[in-house]
Amino acid sequence: MSSLKVAVAQILCEPADLSANLAAHLDAIAKARRQGAELLLFPELSLTDYLAAPDCEKLALRPDAEALMRLAGAARGIAVSAGFIERGEQGRFFNSQGLFGDGKLLTIHRKLNLPGYGALCEDRVYTRGNDLSPTELAPGWHAATLICADAWNPALPWLAALGGASLLLLPAASALGAVGDGFDNPRGWEINLAHTATTYGLPTLFANHCGTRGDAAFWGGSRILDASGHELARAGAAPELIIAELSQADGEAARRRLPTARDSDPALVGALLRNLISNSERVSA
């Protein structure tokens, strides 16, 4: 498949209302399909809304839950990535993003970098994931998912690229002031997204929340970038569906032109990391 028509659904979520949010998902999927989209990305925790203190016992879903099966059923002729609280074993809960296609749940990415700073306390709510594996959507298109703060751990985009990703899905829940101390979230994401797409030649879909809930003011700004970091589409601050077409040839050319992943030498990085850990242990001993 030489090109891929992709979409991002910046929807207005209802806090803790699975039924209302599922309806919004199904509506957005239908609209995206009518416009010819082959892949649709929703924001982080889109089925529950992003909640500082979620009632996980009430809201968490197992992979075979009815709501997820309805999303899977709608994902025919279009791949869909949506966020939910996943119920794990032994009382664990995960901040997860499911990728649906061909009427089934293809894969789940569990958030790896759980923030516990500013107004964020995910490290006290969720269990950290332990896998970062791209999923083949179509020949030549391998999608890796990083959920919000995952993208701020410098190693994770690099590992996604090393793993063979040719497309990055980045669902987020970025609110003004969430980090605190004057950190400019919109500007931070502007830099982060352009840097990652350009450095690794990865077309990127960024889906953020919008609207105000309590003290959380989500600023929207969802966007689609090509493999050179150029913006193809951007949403404003209100609910919006944005669509763009990505070129496989452009991505391959960008990764040849700037072969960051190819030349990054993981063995050297591993040796330097081992030395750093060893030196740190000697200093602290």
Protein backbone atom coordinates (compact mmCIF):
# COMPACT_ATOMS: atom_id res chain seq x y z
CA MET A 1 0.00 0.00 0.00
CA SER A 2 1.85 3.10 -1.24
CA SER A 3 -0.30 5.57 0.68
CA LEU A 4 -2.45 5.56 3.79
CA LYS A 5 -5.36 7.90 4.47
CA VAL A 6 -5.34 8.60 8.21
CA ALA A 7 -7.59 10.51 10.59
CA VAL A 8 -7.58 11.82 14.14
CA ALA A 9 -10.81 12.23 16.13
CA GLN A 10 -10.53 15.04 18.69
CA ILE A 11 -13.77 14.27 20.51
CA LEU A 12 -15.32 15.84 23.60
CA CYS A 13 -15.38 13.04 26.16
CA GLU A 14 -17.82 12.69 29.02
CA PRO A 15 -16.15 11.88 32.35
CA ALA A 16 -16.69 8.25 33.38
CA ASP A 17 -19.56 7.78 30.89
CA LEU A 18 -18.67 4.70 28.87
CA SER A 19 -21.96 4.63 26.96
CA ALA A 20 -21.80 8.28 25.83
CA ASN A 21 -18.15 8.00 24.87
CA LEU A 22 -18.70 4.76 22.98
CA ALA A 23 -21.47 6.45 20.99
CA ALA A 24 -19.10 9.32 20.16
CA HIS A 25 -16.50 6.80 18.99
CA LEU A 26 -18.95 4.97 16.74
CA ASP A 27 -20.12 8.27 15.25
CA ALA A 28 -16.54 9.40 14.54
CA ILE A 29 -15.68 6.03 13.00
CA ALA A 30 -18.65 6.28 10.66
CA LYS A 31 -17.67 9.83 9.62
CA ALA A 32 -14.05 8.88 9.05
CA ARG A 33 -15.03 5.84 7.00
CA ARG A 34 -17.33 7.96 4.81
CA GLN A 35 -14.35 10.22 4.08
CA GLY A 36 -12.19 7.29 3.06
CA ALA A 37 -9.96 7.08 6.14
CA GLU A 38 -8.13 3.78 6.59
CA LEU A 39 -6.86 4.50 10.12
CA LEU A 40 -8.47 6.54 12.91
CA LEU A 41 -6.83 7.57 16.20
CA PHE A 42 -8.67 8.65 19.37
CA PRO A 43 -7.08 10.34 22.43
CA GLU A 44 -5.68 8.66 25.53
CA LEU A 45 -8.36 6.99 27.70
CA SER A 46 -10.97 8.13 25.22
CA LEU A 47 -13.62 5.66 26.40
CA THR A 48 -13.61 6.95 29.98
CA ASP A 49 -12.18 10.47 29.56
CA TYR A 50 -8.92 11.33 31.30
CA LEU A 51 -9.65 11.21 35.03
CA ALA A 52 -7.23 12.20 37.79
CA ALA A 53 -8.78 9.66 40.18
CA PRO A 54 -10.74 7.12 38.11
CA ASP A 55 -13.02 4.52 39.68
CA CYS A 56 -11.10 1.66 38.09
CA GLU A 57 -13.30 -1.03 39.61
CA LYS A 58 -16.29 0.47 37.80
CA LEU A 59 -14.66 1.64 34.57
CA ALA A 60 -11.97 -0.94 33.78
CA LEU A 61 -12.58 -3.30 30.87
CA ARG A 62 -11.21 -6.70 30.00
CA PRO A 63 -10.14 -7.16 26.37
CA ASP A 64 -13.33 -9.09 25.59
CA ALA A 65 -15.68 -6.47 27.13
CA GLU A 66 -18.81 -5.60 25.17
CA ALA A 67 -17.76 -1.98 24.58
CA LEU A 68 -14.48 -3.08 23.03
CA MET A 69 -16.19 -5.73 20.93
CA ARG A 70 -18.54 -3.06 19.57
CA LEU A 71 -15.53 -0.95 18.61
CA ALA A 72 -14.00 -4.00 16.96
CA GLY A 73 -17.21 -4.61 15.06
CA ALA A 74 -17.14 -1.04 13.77
CA ALA A 75 -13.51 -1.39 12.69
CA ARG A 76 -14.17 -3.03 9.34
CA GLY A 77 -12.46 -1.40 6.40
CA ILE A 78 -10.81 0.99 8.84
CA ALA A 79 -8.29 0.44 11.67
CA VAL A 80 -9.21 2.19 14.93
CA SER A 81 -7.03 3.06 17.94
CA ALA A 82 -8.90 3.97 21.14
CA GLY A 83 -7.98 4.38 24.80
CA PHE A 84 -9.45 2.60 27.83
CA ILE A 85 -8.70 1.47 31.36
CA GLU A 86 -7.75 -2.19 31.11
CA ARG A 87 -8.50 -4.63 33.92
CA GLY A 88 -5.51 -6.88 34.50
CA GLU A 89 -4.90 -9.78 36.82
CA GLN A 90 -4.37 -9.58 40.59
CA GLY A 91 -6.02 -6.18 40.97
CA ARG A 92 -3.86 -4.42 38.38
CA PHE A 93 -5.13 -1.72 36.04
CA PHE A 94 -3.47 -0.37 32.92
CA ASN A 95 -3.73 2.84 30.91
CA SER A 96 -4.17 1.08 27.57
CA GLN A 97 -4.70 1.85 23.91
CA GLY A 98 -6.34 -0.81 21.79
CA LEU A 99 -5.83 -1.15 18.05
CA PHE A 100 -8.86 -2.64 16.31
CA GLY A 101 -9.20 -3.89 12.74
CA ASP A 102 -10.98 -6.48 10.63
CA GLY A 103 -13.65 -6.84 13.30
CA LYS A 104 -11.26 -7.75 16.12
CA LEU A 105 -8.89 -6.35 18.73
CA LEU A 106 -5.48 -6.62 17.09
CA THR A 107 -3.21 -5.49 19.91
CA ILE A 108 -3.04 -3.50 23.15
CA HIS A 109 -0.34 -1.02 24.14
CA ARG A 110 -0.04 -0.45 27.89
CA LYS A 111 1.43 2.90 28.87
CA LEU A 112 5.09 2.56 29.82
CA ASN A 113 5.97 5.94 31.31
CA LEU A 114 3.46 6.72 34.07
CA PRO A 115 3.79 10.37 35.22
CA GLY A 116 3.73 11.32 38.88
CA TYR A 117 4.49 15.04 38.77
CA GLY A 118 2.52 18.28 38.64
CA ALA A 119 -1.19 17.46 38.68
CA LEU A 120 -0.53 13.96 37.34
CA CYS A 121 -0.65 10.86 39.54
CA GLU A 122 -0.89 7.94 37.11
CA ASP A 123 1.96 6.16 38.87
CA ARG A 124 -0.38 5.67 41.84
CA VAL A 125 -3.29 4.38 39.74
CA TYR A 126 -1.93 2.20 36.94
CA THR A 127 0.61 -0.57 36.45
CA ARG A 128 3.40 0.07 33.98
CA GLY A 129 3.36 -1.82 30.67
CA ASN A 130 6.36 -3.85 29.51
CA ASP A 131 6.18 -4.09 25.73
CA LEU A 132 6.66 -1.85 22.69
CA SER A 133 6.00 -3.81 19.51
CA PRO A 134 4.86 -2.26 16.20
CA THR A 135 1.80 -3.79 14.53
CA GLU A 136 1.50 -4.30 10.79
CA LEU A 137 -1.53 -2.45 9.46
CA ALA A 138 -0.81 -3.09 5.80
CA PRO A 139 2.25 -4.01 3.75
CA GLY A 140 4.93 -1.42 4.55
CA TRP A 141 2.93 0.21 7.35
CA HIS A 142 3.99 -0.80 10.86
CA ALA A 143 2.37 1.29 13.61
CA ALA A 144 3.91 1.82 17.05
CA THR A 145 1.89 3.38 19.86
CA LEU A 146 3.23 5.71 22.53
CA ILE A 147 0.71 7.08 25.03
CA CYS A 148 1.30 10.74 26.02
CA ALA A 149 4.18 10.71 28.55
CA ASP A 150 5.69 7.71 26.74
CA ALA A 151 6.83 10.22 24.10
CA TRP A 152 8.75 12.20 26.74
CA ASN A 153 10.99 9.26 27.63
CA PRO A 154 13.75 9.74 25.01
CA ALA A 155 14.45 6.01 24.78
CA LEU A 156 10.92 5.00 23.79
CA PRO A 157 10.58 6.74 20.38
CA TRP A 158 14.07 5.44 19.59
CA LEU A 159 13.08 1.88 20.52
CA ALA A 160 9.89 2.18 18.46
CA ALA A 161 12.00 3.18 15.45
CA LEU A 162 14.51 0.39 16.11
CA GLY A 163 11.60 -2.06 16.25
CA GLY A 164 10.71 -1.24 12.66
CA ALA A 165 7.92 1.30 13.09
CA SER A 166 7.04 3.29 9.99
CA LEU A 167 4.16 5.16 11.66
CA LEU A 168 3.70 6.55 15.17
CA LEU A 169 0.34 6.73 16.95
CA LEU A 170 0.43 9.16 19.85
CA PRO A 171 -2.80 9.47 21.87
CA ALA A 172 -2.53 12.05 24.66
CA ALA A 173 -4.37 13.88 27.42
CA SER A 174 -2.53 17.18 27.67
CA ALA A 175 -4.13 19.92 29.77
CA LEU A 176 -2.87 23.45 30.32
CA GLY A 177 -0.97 23.67 33.58
CA ALA A 178 -0.86 19.91 34.18
CA VAL A 179 2.93 19.91 34.53
CA GLY A 180 3.01 23.18 36.49
CA ASP A 181 5.70 25.79 37.18
CA GLY A 182 5.03 27.63 33.94
CA PHE A 183 5.66 24.69 31.60
CA ASP A 184 4.06 25.48 28.24
CA ASN A 185 2.30 22.25 27.24
CA PRO A 186 1.28 23.29 23.68
CA ARG A 187 4.79 24.56 22.87
CA GLY A 188 6.37 21.50 24.48
CA TRP A 189 4.33 19.18 22.29
CA GLU A 190 5.10 21.31 19.21
CA ILE A 191 8.81 20.70 19.78
CA ASN A 192 8.47 17.06 20.85
CA LEU A 193 6.30 15.97 17.92
CA ALA A 194 8.35 17.72 15.24
CA HIS A 195 11.60 16.40 16.74
CA THR A 196 10.47 12.78 16.89
CA ALA A 197 8.93 12.74 13.41
CA THR A 198 12.00 14.41 11.87
CA THR A 199 14.65 12.48 13.80
CA TYR A 200 13.24 9.02 13.05
CA GLY A 201 11.39 9.68 9.78
CA LEU A 202 8.11 8.67 11.43
CA PRO A 203 4.79 10.07 10.23
CA THR A 204 2.91 10.85 13.44
CA LEU A 205 -0.74 11.03 14.47
CA PHE A 206 -1.26 13.04 17.67
CA ALA A 207 -4.72 12.93 19.30
CA ASN A 208 -5.40 15.18 22.28
CA HIS A 209 -8.49 15.87 24.38
CA CYS A 210 -10.41 19.14 24.20
CA GLY A 211 -12.75 21.04 26.52
CA THR A 212 -12.66 21.86 30.22
CA ARG A 213 -13.50 19.45 33.03
CA GLY A 214 -13.05 20.90 36.51
CA ASP A 215 -9.51 22.24 36.77
CA ALA A 216 -8.36 20.47 33.61
CA ALA A 217 -8.39 22.62 30.47
CA PHE A 218 -7.52 20.42 27.51
CA TRP A 219 -6.21 22.53 24.64
CA GLY A 220 -6.83 20.21 21.68
CA GLY A 221 -4.29 20.83 18.94
CA SER A 222 -4.43 17.29 17.56
CA ARG A 223 -2.40 16.99 14.38
CA ILE A 224 -0.93 14.79 11.66
CA LEU A 225 2.73 15.13 10.68
CA ASP A 226 4.61 13.60 7.77
CA ALA A 227 7.96 11.82 7.99
CA SER A 228 9.84 15.12 7.73
CA GLY A 229 7.96 16.70 10.63
CA HIS A 230 5.76 18.90 8.45
CA GLU A 231 2.17 19.35 9.61
CA LEU A 232 -0.44 18.02 7.20
CA ALA A 233 -3.47 18.80 9.37
CA ARG A 234 -4.15 20.37 12.77
CA ALA A 235 -7.28 20.67 14.90
CA GLY A 236 -8.22 23.74 16.90
CA ALA A 237 -9.50 23.77 20.47
CA ALA A 238 -12.95 22.28 19.71
CA PRO A 239 -14.08 18.78 18.69
CA GLU A 240 -12.87 18.05 15.17
CA LEU A 241 -12.04 15.25 12.76
CA ILE A 242 -8.84 15.84 10.78
CA ILE A 243 -7.68 13.77 7.81
CA ALA A 244 -4.51 13.54 5.74
CA GLU A 245 -2.82 11.14 3.34
CA LEU A 246 0.58 9.67 4.16
CA SER A 247 3.04 8.46 1.55
CA GLN A 248 5.04 5.29 2.09
CA ALA A 249 7.68 6.50 -0.37
CA ASP A 250 8.10 9.78 1.52
CA GLY A 251 8.66 7.91 4.77
CA GLU A 252 11.22 5.57 3.25
CA ALA A 253 13.03 8.52 1.65
CA ALA A 254 13.10 10.41 4.97
CA ARG A 255 14.60 7.40 6.78
CA ARG A 256 17.25 6.98 4.06
CA ARG A 257 18.09 10.68 4.09
CA LEU A 258 18.47 10.77 7.90
CA PRO A 259 19.12 7.15 8.97
CA THR A 260 18.99 7.83 12.72
CA ALA A 261 17.71 4.40 13.73
CA ARG A 262 20.05 2.57 11.35
CA ASP A 263 23.16 4.32 12.65
CA SER A 264 22.27 4.61 16.33
CA ASP A 265 24.41 1.62 17.41
CA PRO A 266 22.36 -0.01 20.21
CA ALA A 267 25.39 -2.05 21.33
CA LEU A 268 27.34 1.16 22.01
CA VAL A 269 24.38 2.68 23.84
CA GLY A 270 24.06 -0.48 25.93
CA ALA A 271 27.76 -0.40 26.85
CA LEU A 272 27.58 3.28 27.80
CA LEU A 273 24.50 2.62 29.89
CA ARG A 274 26.16 -0.25 31.74
CA ASN A 275 29.19 1.97 32.44
CA LEU A 276 26.92 4.75 33.67
CA ILE A 277 25.09 2.39 36.03
CA SER A 278 28.36 0.91 37.27
CA ASN A 279 29.86 4.35 37.95
CA SER A 280 26.68 5.48 39.69
CA GLU A 281 26.73 2.43 41.95
CA ARG A 282 30.37 3.06 42.87
CA VAL A 283 29.64 6.69 43.74
CA SER A 284 26.65 5.77 45.91
CA ALA A 285 28.45 2.90 47.66
